[in-house]
Structures are given as C-alpha cells and as structure tokens.
N, C-alpha and C. Protein backbone atom coordinates (compact mmCIF):
# COMPACT_ATOMS: atom_id res chain seq x y z
N MET A 1 12.14 8.91 -34.16
CA MET A 1 11.59 7.84 -33.34
C MET A 1 10.41 7.23 -34.10
N PRO A 2 10.37 5.91 -34.17
CA PRO A 2 9.27 5.25 -34.89
C PRO A 2 7.91 5.55 -34.24
N GLY A 3 6.88 5.54 -35.07
CA GLY A 3 5.53 5.85 -34.59
C GLY A 3 5.03 4.87 -33.55
N TRP A 4 5.33 3.58 -33.70
CA TRP A 4 4.87 2.58 -32.74
C TRP A 4 5.50 2.81 -31.37
N LEU A 5 6.76 3.28 -31.36
CA LEU A 5 7.43 3.54 -30.09
C LEU A 5 6.81 4.76 -29.39
N GLN A 6 6.43 5.75 -30.17
CA GLN A 6 5.75 6.92 -29.61
C GLN A 6 4.41 6.53 -28.98
N VAL A 7 3.69 5.65 -29.64
CA VAL A 7 2.40 5.19 -29.11
C VAL A 7 2.61 4.44 -27.79
N ILE A 8 3.59 3.55 -27.76
CA ILE A 8 3.87 2.78 -26.53
C ILE A 8 4.29 3.71 -25.39
N LEU A 9 5.17 4.65 -25.68
CA LEU A 9 5.60 5.59 -24.64
C LEU A 9 4.45 6.48 -24.18
N GLY A 10 3.59 6.87 -25.11
CA GLY A 10 2.43 7.67 -24.73
C GLY A 10 1.47 6.90 -23.84
N LEU A 11 1.21 5.64 -24.17
CA LEU A 11 0.35 4.80 -23.33
C LEU A 11 0.98 4.56 -21.96
N ALA A 12 2.29 4.35 -21.92
CA ALA A 12 2.97 4.15 -20.64
C ALA A 12 2.86 5.41 -19.79
N ALA A 13 3.03 6.57 -20.41
CA ALA A 13 2.91 7.83 -19.66
C ALA A 13 1.49 8.02 -19.15
N LEU A 14 0.50 7.69 -19.95
CA LEU A 14 -0.90 7.82 -19.53
C LEU A 14 -1.20 6.89 -18.36
N ILE A 15 -0.74 5.66 -18.44
CA ILE A 15 -0.96 4.70 -17.35
C ILE A 15 -0.28 5.20 -16.07
N LEU A 16 0.92 5.72 -16.21
CA LEU A 16 1.64 6.24 -15.05
C LEU A 16 0.90 7.42 -14.41
N VAL A 17 0.41 8.31 -15.22
CA VAL A 17 -0.35 9.46 -14.70
C VAL A 17 -1.60 8.98 -13.98
N LEU A 18 -2.31 8.01 -14.56
CA LEU A 18 -3.51 7.48 -13.92
C LEU A 18 -3.19 6.78 -12.60
N LEU A 19 -2.10 6.02 -12.57
CA LEU A 19 -1.69 5.36 -11.32
C LEU A 19 -1.29 6.37 -10.27
N ALA A 20 -0.55 7.40 -10.67
CA ALA A 20 -0.15 8.43 -9.72
C ALA A 20 -1.36 9.18 -9.19
N LEU A 21 -2.32 9.45 -10.03
CA LEU A 21 -3.55 10.11 -9.60
C LEU A 21 -4.32 9.22 -8.62
N ALA A 22 -4.37 7.94 -8.90
CA ALA A 22 -5.04 7.01 -7.98
C ALA A 22 -4.33 6.97 -6.63
N ALA A 23 -3.00 6.96 -6.63
CA ALA A 23 -2.24 6.96 -5.38
C ALA A 23 -2.49 8.25 -4.60
N TRP A 24 -2.54 9.38 -5.30
CA TRP A 24 -2.80 10.66 -4.63
C TRP A 24 -4.20 10.69 -4.03
N ILE A 25 -5.17 10.18 -4.76
CA ILE A 25 -6.54 10.12 -4.24
C ILE A 25 -6.61 9.20 -3.03
N ALA A 26 -5.90 8.08 -3.10
CA ALA A 26 -5.89 7.14 -1.97
C ALA A 26 -5.31 7.80 -0.73
N TRP A 27 -4.24 8.58 -0.89
CA TRP A 27 -3.61 9.22 0.26
C TRP A 27 -4.54 10.26 0.90
N ARG A 28 -5.44 10.81 0.13
CA ARG A 28 -6.38 11.80 0.67
C ARG A 28 -7.47 11.15 1.52
N ASP A 29 -7.59 9.84 1.46
CA ASP A 29 -8.58 9.11 2.24
C ASP A 29 -8.20 9.20 3.73
N PRO A 30 -9.10 9.71 4.58
CA PRO A 30 -8.77 9.85 6.00
C PRO A 30 -8.45 8.53 6.69
N ARG A 31 -9.08 7.44 6.24
CA ARG A 31 -8.78 6.14 6.87
C ARG A 31 -7.35 5.71 6.59
N VAL A 32 -6.86 5.97 5.38
CA VAL A 32 -5.47 5.62 5.05
C VAL A 32 -4.52 6.42 5.92
N ARG A 33 -4.77 7.71 6.05
CA ARG A 33 -3.90 8.54 6.89
C ARG A 33 -3.95 8.10 8.34
N LEU A 34 -5.14 7.72 8.83
CA LEU A 34 -5.26 7.24 10.21
C LEU A 34 -4.43 5.98 10.42
N VAL A 35 -4.55 5.03 9.50
CA VAL A 35 -3.79 3.77 9.63
C VAL A 35 -2.29 4.06 9.61
N MET A 36 -1.86 4.93 8.71
CA MET A 36 -0.43 5.25 8.64
C MET A 36 0.04 5.92 9.93
N ARG A 37 -0.78 6.82 10.50
CA ARG A 37 -0.41 7.46 11.78
C ARG A 37 -0.35 6.44 12.90
N LEU A 38 -1.32 5.54 12.95
CA LEU A 38 -1.32 4.52 14.00
C LEU A 38 -0.10 3.60 13.87
N LEU A 39 0.23 3.21 12.66
CA LEU A 39 1.40 2.35 12.46
C LEU A 39 2.69 3.09 12.81
N TRP A 40 2.75 4.38 12.50
CA TRP A 40 3.94 5.17 12.78
C TRP A 40 4.19 5.28 14.29
N ARG A 41 3.13 5.32 15.08
CA ARG A 41 3.27 5.45 16.54
C ARG A 41 3.77 4.18 17.20
N LEU A 42 3.58 3.06 16.53
CA LEU A 42 4.04 1.80 17.10
C LEU A 42 5.52 1.60 16.82
N ARG A 43 6.18 0.89 17.72
CA ARG A 43 7.57 0.51 17.45
C ARG A 43 7.59 -0.67 16.49
N SER A 44 8.74 -0.93 15.90
CA SER A 44 8.83 -1.96 14.85
C SER A 44 8.28 -3.32 15.27
N PRO A 45 8.68 -3.88 16.42
CA PRO A 45 8.11 -5.18 16.79
C PRO A 45 6.59 -5.11 17.00
N GLN A 46 6.11 -3.98 17.52
CA GLN A 46 4.67 -3.82 17.72
C GLN A 46 3.95 -3.74 16.38
N ARG A 47 4.58 -3.08 15.39
CA ARG A 47 3.98 -3.00 14.05
C ARG A 47 3.79 -4.38 13.45
N VAL A 48 4.84 -5.19 13.56
CA VAL A 48 4.77 -6.54 12.99
C VAL A 48 3.67 -7.34 13.68
N ARG A 49 3.62 -7.28 15.01
CA ARG A 49 2.58 -8.01 15.75
C ARG A 49 1.18 -7.49 15.41
N ALA A 50 1.04 -6.17 15.26
CA ALA A 50 -0.27 -5.59 14.95
C ALA A 50 -0.73 -6.01 13.56
N ILE A 51 0.16 -5.95 12.59
CA ILE A 51 -0.20 -6.34 11.23
C ILE A 51 -0.53 -7.83 11.18
N TRP A 52 0.25 -8.64 11.89
CA TRP A 52 -0.02 -10.07 11.96
C TRP A 52 -1.38 -10.33 12.61
N ALA A 53 -1.70 -9.58 13.67
CA ALA A 53 -2.99 -9.76 14.35
C ALA A 53 -4.14 -9.39 13.42
N VAL A 54 -3.98 -8.32 12.65
CA VAL A 54 -5.03 -7.93 11.70
C VAL A 54 -5.20 -9.02 10.64
N ALA A 55 -4.10 -9.55 10.16
CA ALA A 55 -4.17 -10.58 9.12
C ALA A 55 -4.85 -11.85 9.62
N ARG A 56 -4.69 -12.16 10.90
CA ARG A 56 -5.26 -13.40 11.45
C ARG A 56 -6.68 -13.21 11.98
N ASP A 57 -7.14 -11.98 12.06
CA ASP A 57 -8.47 -11.72 12.61
C ASP A 57 -9.54 -12.31 11.69
N PRO A 58 -10.48 -13.10 12.23
CA PRO A 58 -11.49 -13.74 11.39
C PRO A 58 -12.47 -12.76 10.75
N ARG A 59 -12.51 -11.51 11.23
CA ARG A 59 -13.42 -10.52 10.65
C ARG A 59 -12.88 -9.91 9.35
N VAL A 60 -11.62 -10.20 9.04
CA VAL A 60 -11.01 -9.66 7.81
C VAL A 60 -11.41 -10.57 6.65
N PRO A 61 -11.96 -10.01 5.57
CA PRO A 61 -12.38 -10.83 4.43
C PRO A 61 -11.17 -11.47 3.72
N TRP A 62 -11.42 -12.58 3.07
CA TRP A 62 -10.34 -13.31 2.40
C TRP A 62 -9.71 -12.49 1.29
N VAL A 63 -10.47 -11.61 0.67
CA VAL A 63 -9.93 -10.78 -0.41
C VAL A 63 -8.82 -9.88 0.14
N ALA A 64 -9.04 -9.33 1.33
CA ALA A 64 -8.03 -8.47 1.94
C ALA A 64 -6.78 -9.28 2.29
N ARG A 65 -6.95 -10.52 2.64
CA ARG A 65 -5.80 -11.37 2.96
C ARG A 65 -5.02 -11.74 1.70
N ALA A 66 -5.68 -11.76 0.56
CA ALA A 66 -5.02 -12.13 -0.68
C ALA A 66 -4.25 -10.97 -1.31
N ILE A 67 -4.60 -9.75 -0.99
CA ILE A 67 -3.97 -8.58 -1.62
C ILE A 67 -2.45 -8.57 -1.41
N PRO A 68 -1.93 -8.75 -0.18
CA PRO A 68 -0.46 -8.74 -0.04
C PRO A 68 0.23 -9.84 -0.85
N ILE A 69 -0.40 -10.99 -0.97
CA ILE A 69 0.20 -12.08 -1.74
C ILE A 69 0.25 -11.69 -3.22
N VAL A 70 -0.84 -11.14 -3.73
CA VAL A 70 -0.89 -10.71 -5.13
C VAL A 70 0.11 -9.57 -5.36
N LEU A 71 0.21 -8.66 -4.40
CA LEU A 71 1.15 -7.54 -4.53
C LEU A 71 2.60 -8.02 -4.60
N VAL A 72 2.97 -8.93 -3.71
CA VAL A 72 4.34 -9.45 -3.73
C VAL A 72 4.60 -10.19 -5.05
N ALA A 73 3.63 -10.94 -5.51
CA ALA A 73 3.79 -11.65 -6.79
C ALA A 73 3.96 -10.65 -7.94
N TYR A 74 3.17 -9.58 -7.94
CA TYR A 74 3.30 -8.56 -8.98
C TYR A 74 4.68 -7.90 -8.95
N LEU A 75 5.14 -7.55 -7.75
CA LEU A 75 6.43 -6.89 -7.64
C LEU A 75 7.59 -7.81 -8.00
N ALA A 76 7.42 -9.12 -7.78
CA ALA A 76 8.48 -10.08 -8.08
C ALA A 76 8.51 -10.47 -9.55
N MET A 77 7.40 -10.31 -10.25
CA MET A 77 7.34 -10.71 -11.66
C MET A 77 8.22 -9.79 -12.50
N PRO A 78 8.83 -10.34 -13.54
CA PRO A 78 9.64 -9.48 -14.42
C PRO A 78 8.79 -8.60 -15.34
N PHE A 79 7.49 -8.87 -15.42
CA PHE A 79 6.61 -8.08 -16.27
C PHE A 79 5.92 -7.02 -15.43
N ASP A 80 5.88 -5.81 -15.94
CA ASP A 80 5.27 -4.68 -15.25
C ASP A 80 4.40 -3.91 -16.22
N VAL A 81 3.59 -3.00 -15.67
CA VAL A 81 2.84 -2.08 -16.51
C VAL A 81 3.85 -1.24 -17.30
N ILE A 82 4.83 -0.69 -16.59
CA ILE A 82 5.94 0.01 -17.21
C ILE A 82 7.20 -0.73 -16.77
N PRO A 83 8.00 -1.26 -17.68
CA PRO A 83 9.17 -2.07 -17.29
C PRO A 83 10.14 -1.29 -16.41
N ASP A 84 10.77 -1.99 -15.47
CA ASP A 84 11.67 -1.36 -14.51
C ASP A 84 12.95 -0.83 -15.14
N PHE A 85 13.29 -1.27 -16.35
CA PHE A 85 14.53 -0.77 -16.96
C PHE A 85 14.36 0.66 -17.48
N ILE A 86 13.14 1.17 -17.53
CA ILE A 86 12.92 2.57 -17.90
C ILE A 86 13.16 3.39 -16.63
N PRO A 87 14.17 4.26 -16.64
CA PRO A 87 14.51 5.01 -15.42
C PRO A 87 13.34 5.81 -14.88
N VAL A 88 13.20 5.83 -13.60
CA VAL A 88 12.20 6.55 -12.81
C VAL A 88 10.79 6.03 -13.06
N LEU A 89 10.33 6.01 -14.30
CA LEU A 89 8.95 5.59 -14.59
C LEU A 89 8.71 4.14 -14.17
N GLY A 90 9.71 3.29 -14.35
CA GLY A 90 9.56 1.88 -14.00
C GLY A 90 9.36 1.67 -12.51
N GLN A 91 9.98 2.51 -11.70
CA GLN A 91 9.82 2.40 -10.25
C GLN A 91 8.56 3.13 -9.78
N LEU A 92 8.20 4.21 -10.45
CA LEU A 92 7.01 4.96 -10.04
C LEU A 92 5.74 4.16 -10.21
N ASP A 93 5.65 3.35 -11.25
CA ASP A 93 4.42 2.56 -11.39
C ASP A 93 4.32 1.52 -10.28
N ASP A 94 5.46 0.97 -9.85
CA ASP A 94 5.43 0.03 -8.72
C ASP A 94 4.98 0.74 -7.45
N ALA A 95 5.47 1.97 -7.24
CA ALA A 95 5.06 2.73 -6.05
C ALA A 95 3.57 3.03 -6.09
N ALA A 96 3.05 3.35 -7.27
CA ALA A 96 1.62 3.62 -7.39
C ALA A 96 0.80 2.37 -7.12
N VAL A 97 1.26 1.22 -7.59
CA VAL A 97 0.55 -0.04 -7.35
C VAL A 97 0.56 -0.37 -5.85
N VAL A 98 1.69 -0.14 -5.18
CA VAL A 98 1.77 -0.38 -3.73
C VAL A 98 0.80 0.57 -3.00
N GLY A 99 0.77 1.82 -3.41
CA GLY A 99 -0.16 2.78 -2.80
C GLY A 99 -1.61 2.36 -2.98
N PHE A 100 -1.93 1.90 -4.17
CA PHE A 100 -3.30 1.43 -4.43
C PHE A 100 -3.62 0.20 -3.58
N ALA A 101 -2.66 -0.71 -3.44
CA ALA A 101 -2.89 -1.91 -2.63
C ALA A 101 -3.12 -1.54 -1.16
N ILE A 102 -2.35 -0.58 -0.65
CA ILE A 102 -2.55 -0.13 0.74
C ILE A 102 -3.94 0.48 0.90
N TRP A 103 -4.34 1.32 -0.06
CA TRP A 103 -5.66 1.94 0.02
C TRP A 103 -6.75 0.87 0.00
N LEU A 104 -6.61 -0.10 -0.89
CA LEU A 104 -7.61 -1.15 -1.00
C LEU A 104 -7.68 -1.98 0.28
N LEU A 105 -6.53 -2.29 0.86
CA LEU A 105 -6.51 -3.03 2.12
C LEU A 105 -7.23 -2.27 3.23
N VAL A 106 -6.92 -0.99 3.33
CA VAL A 106 -7.54 -0.18 4.38
C VAL A 106 -9.05 -0.11 4.18
N ARG A 107 -9.50 -0.04 2.93
CA ARG A 107 -10.93 0.03 2.67
C ARG A 107 -11.63 -1.31 2.94
N LEU A 108 -10.92 -2.43 2.75
CA LEU A 108 -11.56 -3.74 2.90
C LEU A 108 -11.55 -4.25 4.35
N VAL A 109 -10.56 -3.85 5.13
CA VAL A 109 -10.49 -4.31 6.52
C VAL A 109 -11.48 -3.48 7.34
N PRO A 110 -12.33 -4.14 8.13
CA PRO A 110 -13.31 -3.40 8.93
C PRO A 110 -12.62 -2.41 9.89
N GLU A 111 -13.25 -1.26 10.04
CA GLU A 111 -12.67 -0.19 10.86
C GLU A 111 -12.41 -0.62 12.30
N GLU A 112 -13.32 -1.41 12.87
CA GLU A 112 -13.13 -1.84 14.26
C GLU A 112 -11.92 -2.76 14.42
N VAL A 113 -11.59 -3.53 13.39
CA VAL A 113 -10.40 -4.38 13.43
C VAL A 113 -9.14 -3.52 13.44
N ILE A 114 -9.12 -2.50 12.59
CA ILE A 114 -7.97 -1.59 12.55
C ILE A 114 -7.81 -0.90 13.90
N GLU A 115 -8.89 -0.37 14.43
CA GLU A 115 -8.83 0.33 15.73
C GLU A 115 -8.35 -0.61 16.83
N GLU A 116 -8.86 -1.82 16.84
CA GLU A 116 -8.53 -2.77 17.90
C GLU A 116 -7.06 -3.18 17.89
N HIS A 117 -6.53 -3.44 16.72
CA HIS A 117 -5.18 -4.01 16.64
C HIS A 117 -4.07 -2.98 16.47
N LEU A 118 -4.39 -1.79 15.97
CA LEU A 118 -3.33 -0.83 15.68
C LEU A 118 -3.18 0.28 16.71
N ARG A 119 -4.04 0.32 17.70
CA ARG A 119 -3.88 1.33 18.75
C ARG A 119 -2.66 0.99 19.59
N PRO A 120 -1.81 2.00 19.90
CA PRO A 120 -0.64 1.71 20.72
C PRO A 120 -1.06 1.30 22.14
N PRO A 121 -0.24 0.50 22.81
CA PRO A 121 -0.58 0.09 24.17
C PRO A 121 -0.66 1.30 25.09
N GLN A 122 -1.61 1.27 26.02
CA GLN A 122 -1.84 2.40 26.93
C GLN A 122 -1.23 2.16 28.31
N ASN A 123 -0.11 1.43 28.37
CA ASN A 123 0.46 1.10 29.67
C ASN A 123 1.51 2.10 30.13
N GLY A 124 1.72 3.20 29.39
CA GLY A 124 2.67 4.21 29.81
C GLY A 124 4.11 3.83 29.49
N GLY A 125 4.32 2.80 28.71
CA GLY A 125 5.67 2.35 28.40
C GLY A 125 6.39 3.22 27.38
N ASP A 126 5.72 4.23 26.84
CA ASP A 126 6.34 5.08 25.84
C ASP A 126 6.92 6.36 26.44
N ALA A 127 7.20 6.38 27.73
CA ALA A 127 7.66 7.59 28.40
C ALA A 127 9.01 8.05 27.82
N GLY A 128 9.83 7.12 27.36
CA GLY A 128 11.13 7.49 26.83
C GLY A 128 11.11 7.80 25.34
N ALA A 129 9.97 7.67 24.71
CA ALA A 129 9.89 7.91 23.26
C ALA A 129 9.98 9.39 22.98
N VAL A 130 10.62 9.71 21.87
CA VAL A 130 10.78 11.12 21.50
C VAL A 130 9.76 11.47 20.46
C-alpha cells in the first residue's frame, strides 16, 4: 500500500475516533438524554408539532435554527469527512456528525423552551399507551 494512502487512512481513522468520542460525550450529557426521553414519550404527530413549536419559539437563537439546515446540507453533499463509499466508516462519520448536531442544538436551545414544548400533554389521553 502506498505511503500517501496509509496517511490518508490514518487521518480518516483518527477523525472517526474523535467524532465517535464526541458523540459518546454528547450522549452522556443529561440534557440530551432528557430531550430524547421527552421526545420518545410523545407520539409521532406530537413530536412533529413539538419540534416545530421549538423551532418557531422566539427565545431560540438563530444559530440553533440554522443547525438543522447546515446538517441537511452536509448530509446531502457528496463530500464528507470520510467518503460514504468506504464501508461502515463512511456512515459512522455521518452518525457522529448528527449526534454532535443534536448535542449542540440541545445546548443552544434554552431549557425552559425544551420543557415547555416537549412535555407530553397531561390530559390523560395516554391511558391506552403501552
């Protein structure tokens, strides 16, 4: 294997390890776990409405509103940190970037906005939920 290819593969592996470490650290954040639990308790239509309400809330900074747009653009671009044609590694870097984006969003959105919009309704309508 040529030396330049070894260097490129080594750098790609290092970047992947750093991204995976960042995603793992983000998951350890209690706010991220709280948001994921709150979203999991909502039904699909409620999730969409809650996320839409958070996005439209004037207390959310513009940077937080731009993150999903930048994330979708990154995922749609043919250029990646690690190209997608490399099996497993190409998809793992995308997963790490998505994890980082979720962590960043949770950190940038004020806690009271998350609590207000993501709490499940308390009207007793979940009696049939398992």
